[in-house]
Protein backbone atom coordinates (compact mmCIF):
# COMPACT_ATOMS: atom_id res chain seq x y z
CA MET A 1 0.29 -6.47 -18.84
CA PHE A 2 0.32 -10.17 -17.64
CA THR A 3 3.25 -12.50 -17.90
CA PRO A 4 2.43 -16.16 -19.23
CA GLN A 5 2.92 -17.27 -15.63
CA GLY A 6 0.13 -14.89 -14.45
CA PRO A 7 -3.47 -15.67 -13.80
CA SER A 8 -5.91 -16.70 -16.38
CA LEU A 9 -8.99 -14.83 -17.40
CA ARG A 10 -11.22 -17.36 -15.63
CA GLU A 11 -8.95 -17.10 -12.44
CA LEU A 12 -9.34 -13.31 -12.30
CA ALA A 13 -13.03 -13.68 -12.82
CA VAL A 14 -13.36 -16.04 -9.92
CA GLN A 15 -11.31 -13.58 -7.81
CA ALA A 16 -13.44 -10.62 -8.82
CA LEU A 17 -16.51 -12.53 -7.54
CA SER A 18 -14.99 -13.38 -4.15
CA SER A 19 -14.47 -11.28 -1.12
CA VAL A 20 -11.34 -9.03 -0.95
CA GLU A 21 -9.76 -11.58 1.53
CA HIS A 22 -10.52 -14.81 -0.34
CA GLY A 23 -9.86 -13.25 -3.77
CA TYR A 24 -6.41 -12.41 -2.81
CA ASP A 25 -5.88 -15.82 -1.19
CA LEU A 26 -6.71 -17.15 -4.72
CA LEU A 27 -4.54 -14.72 -6.58
CA ALA A 28 -1.51 -15.00 -4.20
CA PRO A 29 0.53 -17.63 -5.99
CA LYS A 30 0.46 -15.60 -9.19
CA PHE A 31 0.16 -12.04 -7.84
CA ASP A 32 3.73 -10.98 -8.67
CA GLU A 33 3.16 -11.89 -12.25
CA THR A 34 0.48 -9.21 -12.56
CA PRO A 35 0.45 -5.61 -13.13
CA PHE A 36 -1.16 -5.18 -9.71
CA ARG A 37 2.08 -5.44 -8.00
CA THR A 38 3.67 -2.14 -7.33
CA PRO A 39 6.14 -1.34 -10.13
CA GLY A 40 9.93 -1.40 -9.25
CA PRO A 41 10.52 2.22 -10.22
CA ILE A 42 7.96 3.43 -7.61
CA LEU A 43 9.46 1.21 -4.98
CA GLU A 44 12.96 2.55 -5.76
CA ALA A 45 11.86 6.08 -5.81
CA VAL A 46 10.15 5.75 -2.34
CA GLU A 47 13.20 3.90 -0.99
CA ALA A 48 15.43 6.84 -2.11
CA ALA A 49 13.09 9.47 -0.63
CA LEU A 50 12.73 7.62 2.59
CA SER A 51 16.57 7.11 2.98
CA SER A 52 16.83 10.90 3.16
CA LEU A 53 14.44 11.02 6.17
CA GLY A 54 15.81 7.99 7.97
CA PRO A 55 17.24 5.78 9.09
CA PHE A 56 14.39 4.25 11.03
CA VAL A 57 14.37 1.55 13.72
CA HIS A 58 11.09 -0.36 13.27
CA GLY A 59 8.96 -0.14 10.04
CA LEU A 60 5.44 -1.40 9.25
CA ASP A 61 4.16 -2.32 5.71
CA LEU A 62 0.40 -1.80 5.79
CA CYS A 63 -1.57 -4.10 3.66
CA CYS A 64 1.80 -5.63 2.68
CA GLY A 65 0.58 -8.36 0.09
CA THR A 66 3.59 -10.36 -1.04
CA GLY A 67 6.01 -7.87 0.56
CA ALA A 68 7.12 -5.35 -2.17
CA GLY A 69 7.05 -2.62 0.45
CA MET A 70 8.86 -4.90 2.88
CA GLU A 71 11.92 -4.76 0.63
CA VAL A 72 11.89 -1.00 0.90
CA LEU A 73 11.65 -1.10 4.66
CA ARG A 74 14.46 -3.56 4.87
CA GLU A 75 16.74 -0.95 3.32
CA VAL A 76 15.69 1.99 5.56
CA CYS A 77 15.15 0.23 8.93
CA ARG A 78 17.77 -0.96 11.35
CA GLU A 79 16.14 -3.55 13.67
CA GLY A 80 12.63 -4.74 12.45
CA VAL A 81 10.13 -4.74 9.68
CA THR A 82 6.59 -6.04 9.99
CA GLY A 83 4.13 -6.64 7.28
CA VAL A 84 0.30 -6.90 8.09
CA ASP A 85 -2.24 -8.03 5.54
CA ILE A 86 -5.72 -9.64 5.71
CA SER A 87 -4.84 -12.41 3.23
CA ALA A 88 -3.12 -15.43 4.61
CA GLY A 89 -2.24 -16.44 1.10
CA MET A 90 -0.38 -13.14 0.31
CA LEU A 91 1.49 -13.53 3.57
CA ALA A 92 2.48 -17.02 2.88
CA VAL A 93 3.99 -16.00 -0.56
CA GLY A 94 5.82 -12.99 1.11
CA ARG A 95 7.19 -15.23 3.95
CA ARG A 96 8.58 -17.61 1.24
CA ARG A 97 10.09 -14.85 -0.75
CA LEU A 98 11.62 -12.77 2.04
CA GLY A 99 11.89 -15.01 5.02
CA GLY A 100 10.55 -14.91 8.46
CA PRO A 101 11.51 -14.11 12.05
CA GLY A 102 14.69 -16.08 11.87
CA ASN A 103 16.76 -13.54 9.86
CA GLY A 104 16.92 -11.01 12.79
CA PRO A 105 19.83 -9.39 14.69
CA GLY A 106 23.18 -10.90 14.00
CA SER A 107 22.38 -11.60 10.30
CA GLY A 108 23.14 -8.15 9.34
CA ALA A 109 19.49 -7.42 8.22
CA PRO A 110 16.45 -6.23 10.15
CA ARG A 111 14.17 -8.73 11.56
CA VAL A 112 11.31 -9.59 9.36
CA SER A 113 7.77 -10.52 10.70
CA TRP A 114 4.46 -11.24 9.00
CA VAL A 115 1.13 -10.69 10.82
CA ARG A 116 -2.29 -11.50 9.55
CA GLY A 117 -4.66 -8.62 10.59
CA ASP A 118 -7.11 -6.00 9.55
CA ALA A 119 -5.82 -2.51 8.75
CA LEU A 120 -9.00 -1.13 10.34
CA ALA A 121 -8.14 -2.79 13.63
CA LEU A 122 -4.35 -3.05 13.86
CA PRO A 123 -2.89 -5.49 16.46
CA PHE A 124 0.06 -3.34 17.58
CA ALA A 125 1.12 -1.02 20.18
CA PRO A 126 2.75 2.45 19.24
CA VAL A 127 6.21 0.81 18.33
CA PHE A 128 6.83 1.81 14.71
CA ASP A 129 9.02 4.70 13.48
CA VAL A 130 7.82 4.46 9.98
CA ALA A 131 4.71 2.90 8.15
CA VAL A 132 4.44 2.59 4.47
CA SER A 133 1.72 1.35 2.20
CA PHE A 134 1.70 0.57 -1.72
CA GLY A 135 -1.32 0.16 -3.82
CA ALA A 136 -3.75 -0.71 -1.15
CA PHE A 137 -5.88 2.55 -0.64
CA GLY A 138 -8.44 1.53 -3.28
CA HIS A 139 -9.61 -1.20 -0.94
CA PHE A 140 -11.03 1.40 1.49
CA LEU A 141 -14.14 3.39 0.94
CA PRO A 142 -13.92 7.15 1.61
CA GLU A 143 -15.88 6.94 4.76
CA GLN A 144 -13.37 4.43 6.19
CA LEU A 145 -10.38 6.76 5.75
CA PRO A 146 -10.71 8.40 9.15
CA ARG A 147 -10.75 5.02 10.94
CA LEU A 148 -7.74 3.74 8.82
CA PHE A 149 -5.60 6.84 9.39
CA SER A 150 -6.52 6.83 13.16
CA GLU A 151 -5.34 3.07 13.28
CA VAL A 152 -2.05 3.97 11.49
CA ARG A 153 -1.43 6.83 13.98
CA SER A 154 -2.11 4.52 16.92
CA VAL A 155 0.75 2.22 16.00
CA LEU A 156 3.36 5.02 15.33
CA ARG A 157 5.63 6.44 18.03
CA PRO A 158 5.25 10.20 18.41
CA GLY A 159 7.09 11.72 15.46
CA GLY A 160 6.73 8.52 13.45
CA ARG A 161 6.05 8.80 9.75
CA PHE A 162 3.44 7.27 7.48
CA ALA A 163 4.61 7.48 3.81
CA PHE A 164 3.20 6.39 0.53
CA PRO A 165 3.35 7.14 -3.08
CA LEU A 166 0.44 9.03 -4.74
CA PRO A 167 0.44 9.46 -8.55
CA ALA A 168 -1.33 12.31 -9.94
CA PRO A 169 -4.79 11.58 -11.47
CA ALA A 170 -4.71 11.08 -15.24
CA PRO A 171 -6.25 13.83 -17.28
CA PRO A 172 -9.30 13.24 -19.39
CA SER A 173 -7.19 13.15 -22.48
CA SER A 174 -5.38 10.02 -21.20
CA PRO A 175 -6.75 6.55 -21.88
CA TRP A 176 -5.94 5.69 -18.29
CA TYR A 177 -8.58 8.22 -17.02
CA TRP A 178 -11.33 6.26 -18.97
CA ALA A 179 -9.93 2.98 -18.01
CA ALA A 180 -10.06 3.81 -14.30
CA LEU A 181 -13.47 5.42 -14.78
CA GLY A 182 -14.75 2.30 -16.45
CA PHE A 183 -13.31 0.02 -13.94
CA ASP A 184 -14.72 1.96 -10.96
CA ALA A 185 -18.16 2.00 -12.63
CA ALA A 186 -17.91 -1.71 -13.40
CA MET A 187 -17.09 -2.35 -9.73
CA ARG A 188 -19.97 -0.35 -8.44
CA VAL A 189 -22.39 -2.36 -10.49
CA ARG A 190 -20.72 -5.61 -9.55
CA ASN A 191 -21.05 -4.74 -5.80
CA ALA A 192 -24.72 -3.64 -6.29
CA LEU A 193 -25.60 -7.03 -7.69
CA TRP A 194 -23.25 -9.54 -6.03
CA ARG A 195 -22.24 -10.50 -2.48
CA PRO A 196 -19.80 -10.38 -0.77
CA PRO A 197 -18.62 -7.01 -2.12
CA PHE A 198 -15.04 -6.58 -3.56
CA VAL A 199 -13.95 -3.08 -2.66
CA MET A 200 -11.32 -1.70 -5.21
CA TYR A 201 -11.89 1.81 -6.71
CA TYR A 202 -9.13 3.71 -8.29
CA ARG A 203 -10.35 7.24 -8.38
CA PRO A 204 -11.58 8.49 -5.05
CA PHE A 205 -8.11 8.57 -3.23
CA ARG A 206 -6.97 12.19 -4.12
CA LEU A 207 -4.40 14.35 -2.46
CA GLY A 208 -6.74 17.00 -1.12
CA VAL A 209 -9.15 14.51 0.44
CA VAL A 210 -6.21 12.51 1.90
CA ARG A 211 -4.47 15.53 3.31
CA ASP A 212 -7.57 16.69 5.13
CA GLU A 213 -8.28 13.27 6.64
CA LEU A 214 -4.72 12.71 7.73
CA GLU A 215 -4.71 16.20 9.46
CA ARG A 216 -7.96 15.38 11.16
CA ALA A 217 -6.42 12.25 12.44
CA GLY A 218 -3.58 13.88 14.07
CA PHE A 219 -0.71 14.18 11.45
CA GLU A 220 1.25 16.89 9.92
CA VAL A 221 1.27 16.48 6.21
CA GLU A 222 4.02 17.03 3.67
CA SER A 223 4.47 15.87 0.17
CA TYR A 224 7.66 15.42 -1.90
CA ALA A 225 7.84 15.23 -5.57
CA LEU A 226 9.34 12.02 -6.87
CA PRO A 227 11.69 13.48 -9.57
CA GLU A 228 12.16 10.13 -11.37
CA PHE A 229 8.60 10.49 -12.85
CA GLY A 230 8.97 14.02 -14.14
CA ARG A 231 6.18 16.69 -14.30
CA ARG A 232 2.93 17.21 -16.00
CA THR A 233 2.29 19.91 -18.53
CA ASP A 234 0.96 22.31 -15.70
CA GLY A 235 4.27 21.81 -13.71
CA SER A 236 2.78 19.53 -11.02
CA PRO A 237 4.63 16.20 -10.19
CA ARG A 238 3.49 13.17 -11.86
CA CYS A 239 4.05 11.21 -8.57
CA ARG A 240 4.50 12.29 -5.07
CA MET A 241 5.39 10.81 -1.79
CA VAL A 242 2.96 11.79 0.88
CA VAL A 243 4.60 11.98 4.37
CA ALA A 244 2.29 12.31 7.42
CA THR A 245 4.03 12.77 10.80
CA ARG A 246 2.30 11.83 14.00
CA THR A 247 1.95 14.86 16.24
CA GLY A 248 1.76 14.73 20.10
């Protein structure tokens, strides 16, 4: 799961005992060598699905990390893409990988910007046509979703879209089901005994809950099967792209 260039067990332990912000600052230099980075096939599938809905003008990568989603946005946005993240360390790595404001109009690629900010208090006006997020929702407690989705809506233009992949939950027969259950249980114990908390839970972010909260926040919600990942035995997609469109 980890490459030889990835973090050591000791480094992961130090990160897990830190706050979310400081933990990712520590992990940033080796983050792309871990399984926590969104896999390439998911990025490629979302890019293909978004391409059929675009092109877009300005895009936002919410909780962008080192910029995996920024690479998707650069392919579907014409003028500018912005990444926002609470971790200065992750932003620094992303900026080194993908560049900064200098590669704007005239270079043949959309302008790239990196902003340090809190997803629960986004520092933008409603200027984006599309927002994406990859692998970040486990860092938000269920009671924070209304505020999170309200913030996303506030930075989208009317008709703007908020899109993200959502894998189907693993069935109890899968070892991934028990791995996620065990991880979440361990994290709850850790947060009950240690401060500051490190919020990362895999299981609460489910399609039904997400759809209801997005609709309450003022979105119309659709989902698209990502055919690259096939279907489960009951016929449902193994992975979807949720697309929430700002109304009004």
